[in-house]
Amino acid sequence: MTNTKGKRRGTRYMFSGPFRKHGVVPLATYMRIYKKGDIVDIKGMGTVQKGMPHKCYHGKTGRVYNVTQHAVGIIVNKQVKDSCELPCGCWELNLSPS
């Protein structure tokens, strides 16, 4: 096998759902309201590909600094690679309150 340098390389178990929790995302996840200053945990979900954070942010804790209709901007205090700020993305589904 060659060219194992993809964006989702090494995420087979990282982004998979827990046992008996696969499939449709519960509506409570969509209805959750985030405000500026909220502390959230970033966790990628394999069931939703749109707006999935990079694997280097998986499991990190950040603070919400921007909320729009379809996206949430997060600042990660611990520097990851070159940046410590996640640009706005559609991450409502990939967040959980800390």
PDB file of N, CA and C in Angstrom:
ATOM      1  N   MET A   1       0.845  -1.184   0.000  1.00  0.00           N
ATOM      2  CA  MET A   1       0.000   0.000   0.000  1.00  0.00           C
ATOM      3  C   MET A   1       0.887   1.242   0.000  1.00  0.00           C
ATOM      4  N   THR A   2       0.538   2.182  -0.832  1.00  0.00           N
ATOM      5  CA  THR A   2       1.332   3.394  -0.920  1.00  0.00           C
ATOM      6  C   THR A   2       0.465   4.617  -0.677  1.00  0.00           C
ATOM      7  N   ASN A   3       1.118   5.738  -0.528  1.00  0.00           N
ATOM      8  CA  ASN A   3       0.466   7.035  -0.373  1.00  0.00           C
ATOM      9  C   ASN A   3      -0.516   7.028   0.801  1.00  0.00           C
ATOM     10  N   THR A   4      -0.002   6.804   1.995  1.00  0.00           N
ATOM     11  CA  THR A   4      -0.842   6.814   3.196  1.00  0.00           C
ATOM     12  C   THR A   4      -0.724   8.162   3.893  1.00  0.00           C
ATOM     13  N   LYS A   5      -0.997   9.222   3.144  1.00  0.00           N
ATOM     14  CA  LYS A   5      -0.836  10.569   3.693  1.00  0.00           C
ATOM     15  C   LYS A   5      -2.129  11.366   3.629  1.00  0.00           C
ATOM     16  N   GLY A   6      -3.263  10.710   3.701  1.00  0.00           N
ATOM     17  CA  GLY A   6      -4.537  11.399   3.541  1.00  0.00           C
ATOM     18  C   GLY A   6      -4.923  12.230   4.749  1.00  0.00           C
ATOM     19  N   LYS A   7      -5.977  13.015   4.577  1.00  0.00           N
ATOM     20  CA  LYS A   7      -6.454  13.902   5.636  1.00  0.00           C
ATOM     21  C   LYS A   7      -7.003  13.124   6.822  1.00  0.00           C
ATOM     22  N   ARG A   8      -7.632  11.975   6.564  1.00  0.00           N
ATOM     23  CA  ARG A   8      -8.220  11.168   7.637  1.00  0.00           C
ATOM     24  C   ARG A   8      -7.379   9.928   7.937  1.00  0.00           C
ATOM     25  N   ARG A   9      -6.085   9.998   7.665  1.00  0.00           N
ATOM     26  CA  ARG A   9      -5.193   8.872   7.914  1.00  0.00           C
ATOM     27  C   ARG A   9      -5.140   8.553   9.403  1.00  0.00           C
ATOM     28  N   GLY A  10      -5.308   7.290   9.754  1.00  0.00           N
ATOM     29  CA  GLY A  10      -5.191   6.850  11.138  1.00  0.00           C
ATOM     30  C   GLY A  10      -6.396   7.171  12.003  1.00  0.00           C
ATOM     31  N   THR A  11      -7.566   7.361  11.400  1.00  0.00           N
ATOM     32  CA  THR A  11      -8.736   7.747  12.194  1.00  0.00           C
ATOM     33  C   THR A  11      -9.807   6.663  12.206  1.00  0.00           C
ATOM     34  N   ARG A  12      -9.444   5.431  11.913  1.00  0.00           N
ATOM     35  CA  ARG A  12     -10.448   4.367  11.826  1.00  0.00           C
ATOM     36  C   ARG A  12     -11.204   4.205  13.139  1.00  0.00           C
ATOM     37  N   TYR A  13     -10.513   4.202  14.243  1.00  0.00           N
ATOM     38  CA  TYR A  13     -11.154   4.040  15.544  1.00  0.00           C
ATOM     39  C   TYR A  13     -11.410   5.386  16.223  1.00  0.00           C
ATOM     40  N   MET A  14     -10.669   6.401  15.822  1.00  0.00           N
ATOM     41  CA  MET A  14     -10.808   7.722  16.438  1.00  0.00           C
ATOM     42  C   MET A  14     -12.180   8.336  16.156  1.00  0.00           C
ATOM     43  N   PHE A  15     -12.643   8.273  14.912  1.00  0.00           N
ATOM     44  CA  PHE A  15     -13.896   8.908  14.525  1.00  0.00           C
ATOM     45  C   PHE A  15     -15.088   7.957  14.557  1.00  0.00           C
ATOM     46  N   SER A  16     -14.874   6.692  14.895  1.00  0.00           N
ATOM     47  CA  SER A  16     -15.996   5.756  14.915  1.00  0.00           C
ATOM     48  C   SER A  16     -16.812   5.950  16.190  1.00  0.00           C
ATOM     49  N   GLY A  17     -18.090   5.652  16.093  1.00  0.00           N
ATOM     50  CA  GLY A  17     -18.974   5.796  17.244  1.00  0.00           C
ATOM     51  C   GLY A  17     -18.804   4.651  18.222  1.00  0.00           C
ATOM     52  N   PRO A  18     -19.234   4.835  19.458  1.00  0.00           N
ATOM     53  CA  PRO A  18     -19.137   3.754  20.440  1.00  0.00           C
ATOM     54  C   PRO A  18     -20.081   2.594  20.104  1.00  0.00           C
ATOM     55  N   PHE A  19     -19.920   1.518  20.794  1.00  0.00           N
ATOM     56  CA  PHE A  19     -20.695   0.299  20.559  1.00  0.00           C
ATOM     57  C   PHE A  19     -22.190   0.579  20.695  1.00  0.00           C
ATOM     58  N   ARG A  20     -22.974   0.165  19.700  1.00  0.00           N
ATOM     59  CA  ARG A  20     -24.426   0.354  19.626  1.00  0.00           C
ATOM     60  C   ARG A  20     -24.846   1.824  19.571  1.00  0.00           C
ATOM     61  N   LYS A  21     -23.967   2.714  19.135  1.00  0.00           N
ATOM     62  CA  LYS A  21     -24.309   4.137  19.007  1.00  0.00           C
ATOM     63  C   LYS A  21     -24.039   4.635  17.591  1.00  0.00           C
ATOM     64  N   HIS A  22     -24.125   3.753  16.604  1.00  0.00           N
ATOM     65  CA  HIS A  22     -23.881   4.140  15.219  1.00  0.00           C
ATOM     66  C   HIS A  22     -25.173   4.665  14.596  1.00  0.00           C
ATOM     67  N   GLY A  23     -25.042   5.305  13.440  1.00  0.00           N
ATOM     68  CA  GLY A  23     -26.230   5.712  12.687  1.00  0.00           C
ATOM     69  C   GLY A  23     -26.595   7.166  12.874  1.00  0.00           C
ATOM     70  N   VAL A  24     -27.894   7.419  12.963  1.00  0.00           N
ATOM     71  CA  VAL A  24     -28.426   8.777  12.964  1.00  0.00           C
ATOM     72  C   VAL A  24     -28.027   9.515  14.241  1.00  0.00           C
ATOM     73  N   VAL A  25     -27.682  10.785  14.079  1.00  0.00           N
ATOM     74  CA  VAL A  25     -27.302  11.623  15.215  1.00  0.00           C
ATOM     75  C   VAL A  25     -28.569  12.089  15.923  1.00  0.00           C
ATOM     76  N   PRO A  26     -28.639  12.036  17.259  1.00  0.00           N
ATOM     77  CA  PRO A  26     -29.840  12.481  17.974  1.00  0.00           C
ATOM     78  C   PRO A  26     -30.118  13.969  17.758  1.00  0.00           C
ATOM     79  N   LEU A  27     -31.389  14.338  17.785  1.00  0.00           N
ATOM     80  CA  LEU A  27     -31.767  15.734  17.550  1.00  0.00           C
ATOM     81  C   LEU A  27     -31.251  16.660  18.638  1.00  0.00           C
ATOM     82  N   ALA A  28     -31.052  16.164  19.849  1.00  0.00           N
ATOM     83  CA  ALA A  28     -30.544  17.001  20.932  1.00  0.00           C
ATOM     84  C   ALA A  28     -29.177  17.576  20.584  1.00  0.00           C
ATOM     85  N   THR A  29     -28.414  16.854  19.775  1.00  0.00           N
ATOM     86  CA  THR A  29     -27.108  17.347  19.355  1.00  0.00           C
ATOM     87  C   THR A  29     -27.261  18.572  18.470  1.00  0.00           C
ATOM     88  N   TYR A  30     -28.271  18.569  17.603  1.00  0.00           N
ATOM     89  CA  TYR A  30     -28.509  19.705  16.715  1.00  0.00           C
ATOM     90  C   TYR A  30     -29.076  20.905  17.475  1.00  0.00           C
ATOM     91  N   MET A  31     -29.848  20.660  18.514  1.00  0.00           N
ATOM     92  CA  MET A  31     -30.560  21.726  19.212  1.00  0.00           C
ATOM     93  C   MET A  31     -29.725  22.406  20.294  1.00  0.00           C
ATOM     94  N   ARG A  32     -28.540  21.898  20.582  1.00  0.00           N
ATOM     95  CA  ARG A  32     -27.714  22.461  21.639  1.00  0.00           C
ATOM     96  C   ARG A  32     -27.292  23.883  21.273  1.00  0.00           C
ATOM     97  N   ILE A  33     -27.337  24.788  22.238  1.00  0.00           N
ATOM     98  CA  ILE A  33     -27.010  26.197  22.007  1.00  0.00           C
ATOM     99  C   ILE A  33     -25.654  26.499  22.622  1.00  0.00           C
ATOM    100  N   TYR A  34     -24.775  27.098  21.821  1.00  0.00           N
ATOM    101  CA  TYR A  34     -23.458  27.501  22.295  1.00  0.00           C
ATOM    102  C   TYR A  34     -23.393  29.017  22.331  1.00  0.00           C
ATOM    103  N   LYS A  35     -22.750  29.551  23.360  1.00  0.00           N
ATOM    104  CA  LYS A  35     -22.575  30.988  23.503  1.00  0.00           C
ATOM    105  C   LYS A  35     -21.096  31.302  23.593  1.00  0.00           C
ATOM    106  N   LYS A  36     -20.754  32.571  23.371  1.00  0.00           N
ATOM    107  CA  LYS A  36     -19.360  32.980  23.488  1.00  0.00           C
ATOM    108  C   LYS A  36     -18.855  32.690  24.891  1.00  0.00           C
ATOM    109  N   GLY A  37     -17.653  32.169  24.974  1.00  0.00           N
ATOM    110  CA  GLY A  37     -17.058  31.872  26.269  1.00  0.00           C
ATOM    111  C   GLY A  37     -17.312  30.465  26.765  1.00  0.00           C
ATOM    112  N   ASP A  38     -18.214  29.718  26.122  1.00  0.00           N
ATOM    113  CA  ASP A  38     -18.452  28.330  26.531  1.00  0.00           C
ATOM    114  C   ASP A  38     -17.199  27.496  26.289  1.00  0.00           C
ATOM    115  N   ILE A  39     -16.946  26.568  27.182  1.00  0.00           N
ATOM    116  CA  ILE A  39     -15.820  25.660  27.031  1.00  0.00           C
ATOM    117  C   ILE A  39     -16.357  24.349  26.478  1.00  0.00           C
ATOM    118  N   VAL A  40     -15.760  23.893  25.377  1.00  0.00           N
ATOM    119  CA  VAL A  40     -16.266  22.713  24.682  1.00  0.00           C
ATOM    120  C   VAL A  40     -15.123  21.746  24.388  1.00  0.00           C
ATOM    121  N   ASP A  41     -15.487  20.478  24.241  1.00  0.00           N
ATOM    122  CA  ASP A  41     -14.555  19.445  23.815  1.00  0.00           C
ATOM    123  C   ASP A  41     -14.810  19.153  22.344  1.00  0.00           C
ATOM    124  N   ILE A  42     -13.743  19.009  21.589  1.00  0.00           N
ATOM    125  CA  ILE A  42     -13.851  18.742  20.162  1.00  0.00           C
ATOM    126  C   ILE A  42     -13.676  17.246  19.949  1.00  0.00           C
ATOM    127  N   LYS A  43     -14.670  16.631  19.332  1.00  0.00           N
ATOM    128  CA  LYS A  43     -14.612  15.205  19.062  1.00  0.00           C
ATOM    129  C   LYS A  43     -15.246  14.944  17.709  1.00  0.00           C
ATOM    130  N   GLY A  44     -14.465  14.454  16.765  1.00  0.00           N
ATOM    131  CA  GLY A  44     -14.973  14.189  15.427  1.00  0.00           C
ATOM    132  C   GLY A  44     -15.918  13.008  15.402  1.00  0.00           C
ATOM    133  N   MET A  45     -16.917  13.093  14.532  1.00  0.00           N
ATOM    134  CA  MET A  45     -17.876  12.003  14.362  1.00  0.00           C
ATOM    135  C   MET A  45     -17.800  11.523  12.921  1.00  0.00           C
ATOM    136  N   GLY A  46     -17.620  10.233  12.741  1.00  0.00           N
ATOM    137  CA  GLY A  46     -17.507   9.684  11.402  1.00  0.00           C
ATOM    138  C   GLY A  46     -18.806   9.713  10.626  1.00  0.00           C
ATOM    139  N   THR A  47     -19.948   9.812  11.326  1.00  0.00           N
ATOM    140  CA  THR A  47     -21.233   9.808  10.634  1.00  0.00           C
ATOM    141  C   THR A  47     -21.511  11.122   9.928  1.00  0.00           C
ATOM    142  N   VAL A  48     -20.852  12.199  10.335  1.00  0.00           N
ATOM    143  CA  VAL A  48     -21.069  13.512   9.730  1.00  0.00           C
ATOM    144  C   VAL A  48     -19.735  13.994   9.191  1.00  0.00           C
ATOM    145  N   GLN A  49     -19.610  14.031   7.859  1.00  0.00           N
ATOM    146  CA  GLN A  49     -18.337  14.428   7.267  1.00  0.00           C
ATOM    147  C   GLN A  49     -18.224  15.937   7.094  1.00  0.00           C
ATOM    148  N   LYS A  50     -19.357  16.629   6.982  1.00  0.00           N
ATOM    149  CA  LYS A  50     -19.309  18.063   6.734  1.00  0.00           C
ATOM    150  C   LYS A  50     -18.805  18.792   7.975  1.00  0.00           C
ATOM    151  N   GLY A  51     -17.792  19.606   7.803  1.00  0.00           N
ATOM    152  CA  GLY A  51     -17.278  20.398   8.905  1.00  0.00           C
ATOM    153  C   GLY A  51     -16.495  19.601   9.923  1.00  0.00           C
ATOM    154  N   MET A  52     -15.999  18.448   9.551  1.00  0.00           N
ATOM    155  CA  MET A  52     -15.256  17.622  10.497  1.00  0.00           C
ATOM    156  C   MET A  52     -13.914  18.278  10.817  1.00  0.00           C
ATOM    157  N   PRO A  53     -13.581  18.420  12.100  1.00  0.00           N
ATOM    158  CA  PRO A  53     -12.290  19.012  12.443  1.00  0.00           C
ATOM    159  C   PRO A  53     -11.147  18.065  12.094  1.00  0.00           C
ATOM    160  N   HIS A  54      -9.957  18.614  11.967  1.00  0.00           N
ATOM    161  CA  HIS A  54      -8.792  17.791  11.669  1.00  0.00           C
ATOM    162  C   HIS A  54      -8.496  16.886  12.853  1.00  0.00           C
ATOM    163  N   LYS A  55      -7.873  15.758  12.570  1.00  0.00           N
ATOM    164  CA  LYS A  55      -7.633  14.770  13.626  1.00  0.00           C
ATOM    165  C   LYS A  55      -6.723  15.295  14.728  1.00  0.00           C
ATOM    166  N   CYS A  56      -5.902  16.310  14.451  1.00  0.00           N
ATOM    167  CA  CYS A  56      -5.009  16.828  15.494  1.00  0.00           C
ATOM    168  C   CYS A  56      -5.788  17.593  16.562  1.00  0.00           C
ATOM    169  N   TYR A  57      -7.039  17.989  16.278  1.00  0.00           N
ATOM    170  CA  TYR A  57      -7.866  18.682  17.265  1.00  0.00           C
ATOM    171  C   TYR A  57      -8.763  17.729  18.046  1.00  0.00           C
ATOM    172  N   HIS A  58      -8.774  16.450  17.694  1.00  0.00           N
ATOM    173  CA  HIS A  58      -9.668  15.481  18.330  1.00  0.00           C
ATOM    174  C   HIS A  58      -9.312  15.322  19.811  1.00  0.00           C
ATOM    175  N   GLY A  59     -10.297  15.523  20.676  1.00  0.00           N
ATOM    176  CA  GLY A  59     -10.080  15.394  22.114  1.00  0.00           C
ATOM    177  C   GLY A  59      -9.593  16.655  22.790  1.00  0.00           C
ATOM    178  N   LYS A  60      -9.361  17.713  22.040  1.00  0.00           N
ATOM    179  CA  LYS A  60      -8.874  18.962  22.620  1.00  0.00           C
ATOM    180  C   LYS A  60     -10.044  19.757  23.197  1.00  0.00           C
ATOM    181  N   THR A  61      -9.742  20.605  24.153  1.00  0.00           N
ATOM    182  CA  THR A  61     -10.735  21.477  24.766  1.00  0.00           C
ATOM    183  C   THR A  61     -10.466  22.900  24.311  1.00  0.00           C
ATOM    184  N   GLY A  62     -11.523  23.622  23.963  1.00  0.00           N
ATOM    185  CA  GLY A  62     -11.370  24.988  23.497  1.00  0.00           C
ATOM    186  C   GLY A  62     -12.482  25.873  24.012  1.00  0.00           C
ATOM    187  N   ARG A  63     -12.376  27.156  23.665  1.00  0.00           N
ATOM    188  CA  ARG A  63     -13.345  28.155  24.100  1.00  0.00           C
ATOM    189  C   ARG A  63     -14.015  28.745  22.867  1.00  0.00           C
ATOM    190  N   VAL A  64     -15.335  28.876  22.913  1.00  0.00           N
ATOM    191  CA  VAL A  64     -16.097  29.412  21.784  1.00  0.00           C
ATOM    192  C   VAL A  64     -15.875  30.919  21.718  1.00  0.00           C
ATOM    193  N   TYR A  65     -15.447  31.410  20.545  1.00  0.00           N
ATOM    194  CA  TYR A  65     -15.247  32.850  20.383  1.00  0.00           C
ATOM    195  C   TYR A  65     -16.149  33.447  19.317  1.00  0.00           C
ATOM    196  N   ASN A  66     -16.790  32.614  18.508  1.00  0.00           N
ATOM    197  CA  ASN A  66     -17.644  33.131  17.449  1.00  0.00           C
ATOM    198  C   ASN A  66     -18.759  32.126  17.197  1.00  0.00           C
ATOM    199  N   VAL A  67     -19.986  32.619  17.131  1.00  0.00           N
ATOM    200  CA  VAL A  67     -21.131  31.755  16.856  1.00  0.00           C
ATOM    201  C   VAL A  67     -21.915  32.363  15.706  1.00  0.00           C
ATOM    202  N   THR A  68     -22.107  31.591  14.640  1.00  0.00           N
ATOM    203  CA  THR A  68     -22.931  32.022  13.524  1.00  0.00           C
ATOM    204  C   THR A  68     -24.095  31.043  13.393  1.00  0.00           C
ATOM    205  N   GLN A  69     -24.895  31.218  12.341  1.00  0.00           N
ATOM    206  CA  GLN A  69     -26.070  30.367  12.185  1.00  0.00           C
ATOM    207  C   GLN A  69     -25.701  28.907  11.950  1.00  0.00           C
ATOM    208  N   HIS A  70     -24.605  28.678  11.240  1.00  0.00           N
ATOM    209  CA  HIS A  70     -24.269  27.312  10.857  1.00  0.00           C
ATOM    210  C   HIS A  70     -22.905  26.869  11.353  1.00  0.00           C
ATOM    211  N   ALA A  71     -22.229  27.687  12.146  1.00  0.00           N
ATOM    212  CA  ALA A  71     -20.869  27.327  12.534  1.00  0.00           C
ATOM    213  C   ALA A  71     -20.528  27.889  13.908  1.00  0.00           C
ATOM    214  N   VAL A  72     -19.493  27.307  14.488  1.00  0.00           N
ATOM    215  CA  VAL A  72     -18.991  27.750  15.786  1.00  0.00           C
ATOM    216  C   VAL A  72     -17.483  27.881  15.661  1.00  0.00           C
ATOM    217  N   GLY A  73     -16.930  29.041  16.040  1.00  0.00           N
ATOM    218  CA  GLY A  73     -15.488  29.243  16.029  1.00  0.00           C
ATOM    219  C   GLY A  73     -14.914  28.955  17.404  1.00  0.00           C
ATOM    220  N   ILE A  74     -13.789  28.248  17.441  1.00  0.00           N
ATOM    221  CA  ILE A  74     -13.214  27.799  18.708  1.00  0.00           C
ATOM    222  C   ILE A  74     -11.747  28.180  18.769  1.00  0.00           C
ATOM    223  N   ILE A  75     -11.314  28.606  19.956  1.00  0.00           N
ATOM    224  CA  ILE A  75      -9.897  28.837  20.210  1.00  0.00           C
ATOM    225  C   ILE A  75      -9.401  27.713  21.099  1.00  0.00           C
ATOM    226  N   VAL A  76      -8.365  27.022  20.631  1.00  0.00           N
ATOM    227  CA  VAL A  76      -7.754  25.950  21.407  1.00  0.00           C
ATOM    228  C   VAL A  76      -6.530  26.537  22.088  1.00  0.00           C
ATOM    229  N   ASN A  77      -6.503  26.463  23.411  1.00  0.00           N
ATOM    230  CA  ASN A  77      -5.419  27.094  24.153  1.00  0.00           C
ATOM    231  C   ASN A  77      -4.082  26.417  23.899  1.00  0.00           C
ATOM    232  N   LYS A  78      -4.085  25.103  23.816  1.00  0.00           N
ATOM    233  CA  LYS A  78      -2.847  24.390  23.556  1.00  0.00           C
ATOM    234  C   LYS A  78      -2.542  24.484  22.072  1.00  0.00           C
ATOM    235  N   GLN A  79      -1.326  24.895  21.724  1.00  0.00           N
ATOM    236  CA  GLN A  79      -0.985  25.073  20.328  1.00  0.00           C
ATOM    237  C   GLN A  79      -0.917  23.716  19.641  1.00  0.00           C
ATOM    238  N   VAL A  80      -1.601  23.608  18.517  1.00  0.00           N
ATOM    239  CA  VAL A  80      -1.616  22.389  17.732  1.00  0.00           C
ATOM    240  C   VAL A  80      -0.978  22.705  16.398  1.00  0.00           C
ATOM    241  N   LYS A  81       0.123  22.042  16.097  1.00  0.00           N
ATOM    242  CA  LYS A  81       0.906  22.310  14.895  1.00  0.00           C
ATOM    243  C   LYS A  81       1.261  23.802  14.860  1.00  0.00           C
ATOM    244  N   ASP A  82       0.769  24.540  13.854  1.00  0.00           N
ATOM    245  CA  ASP A  82       1.174  25.930  13.726  1.00  0.00           C
ATOM    246  C   ASP A  82       0.147  26.920  14.241  1.00  0.00           C
ATOM    247  N   SER A  83      -1.113  26.517  14.384  1.00  0.00           N
ATOM    248  CA  SER A  83      -2.118  27.492  14.789  1.00  0.00           C
ATOM    249  C   SER A  83      -2.799  27.057  16.069  1.00  0.00           C
ATOM    250  N   CYS A  84      -3.302  28.038  16.809  1.00  0.00           N
ATOM    251  CA  CYS A  84      -4.034  27.717  18.031  1.00  0.00           C
ATOM    252  C   CYS A  84      -5.496  28.124  17.886  1.00  0.00           C
ATOM    253  N   GLU A  85      -5.916  28.504  16.696  1.00  0.00           N
ATOM    254  CA  GLU A  85      -7.293  28.944  16.482  1.00  0.00           C
ATOM    255  C   GLU A  85      -7.904  28.132  15.356  1.00  0.00           C
ATOM    256  N   LEU A  86      -9.058  27.555  15.626  1.00  0.00           N
ATOM    257  CA  LEU A  86      -9.781  26.852  14.575  1.00  0.00           C
ATOM    258  C   LEU A  86     -10.659  27.860  13.858  1.00  0.00           C
ATOM    259  N   PRO A  87     -10.530  27.985  12.544  1.00  0.00           N
ATOM    260  CA  PRO A  87     -11.444  28.878  11.841  1.00  0.00           C
ATOM    261  C   PRO A  87     -12.867  28.360  11.959  1.00  0.00           C
ATOM    262  N   CYS A  88     -13.822  29.236  11.705  1.00  0.00           N
ATOM    263  CA  CYS A  88     -15.228  28.837  11.846  1.00  0.00           C
ATOM    264  C   CYS A  88     -15.522  27.647  10.954  1.00  0.00           C
ATOM    265  N   GLY A  89     -16.163  26.675  11.525  1.00  0.00           N
ATOM    266  CA  GLY A  89     -16.556  25.488  10.773  1.00  0.00           C
ATOM    267  C   GLY A  89     -17.889  25.003  11.277  1.00  0.00           C
ATOM    268  N   CYS A  90     -18.474  24.095  10.549  1.00  0.00           N
ATOM    269  CA  CYS A  90     -19.777  23.552  10.926  1.00  0.00           C
ATOM    270  C   CYS A  90     -19.561  22.454  11.955  1.00  0.00           C
ATOM    271  N   TRP A  91     -19.260  22.849  13.188  1.00  0.00           N
ATOM    272  CA  TRP A  91     -18.836  21.883  14.193  1.00  0.00           C
ATOM    273  C   TRP A  91     -19.849  21.697  15.293  1.00  0.00           C
ATOM    274  N   GLU A  92     -21.093  22.086  15.105  1.00  0.00           N
ATOM    275  CA  GLU A  92     -22.062  21.876  16.176  1.00  0.00           C
ATOM    276  C   GLU A  92     -22.157  20.400  16.523  1.00  0.00           C
ATOM    277  N   LEU A  93     -22.031  19.554  15.527  1.00  0.00           N
ATOM    278  CA  LEU A  93     -22.192  18.127  15.754  1.00  0.00           C
ATOM    279  C   LEU A  93     -20.956  17.512  16.381  1.00  0.00           C
ATOM    280  N   ASN A  94     -19.817  18.148  16.220  1.00  0.00           N
ATOM    281  CA  ASN A  94     -18.573  17.574  16.683  1.00  0.00           C
ATOM    282  C   ASN A  94     -18.129  18.167  18.015  1.00  0.00           C
ATOM    283  N   LEU A  95     -19.035  18.858  18.722  1.00  0.00           N
ATOM    284  CA  LEU A  95     -18.699  19.477  19.994  1.00  0.00           C
ATOM    285  C   LEU A  95     -19.520  18.857  21.109  1.00  0.00           C
ATOM    286  N   SER A  96     -18.992  18.942  22.301  1.00  0.00           N
ATOM    287  CA  SER A  96     -19.761  18.567  23.484  1.00  0.00           C
ATOM    288  C   SER A  96     -19.338  19.487  24.612  1.00  0.00           C
ATOM    289  N   PRO A  97     -20.269  19.934  25.450  1.00  0.00           N
ATOM    290  CA  PRO A  97     -19.898  20.830  26.546  1.00  0.00           C
ATOM    291  C   PRO A  97     -18.899  20.161  27.471  1.00  0.00           C
ATOM    292  N   SER A  98     -17.935  20.937  27.923  1.00  0.00           N
ATOM    293  CA  SER A  98     -16.897  20.384  28.788  1.00  0.00           C
ATOM    294  C   SER A  98     -17.301  20.490  30.248  1.00  0.00           C
TER     295      SER A  98
END
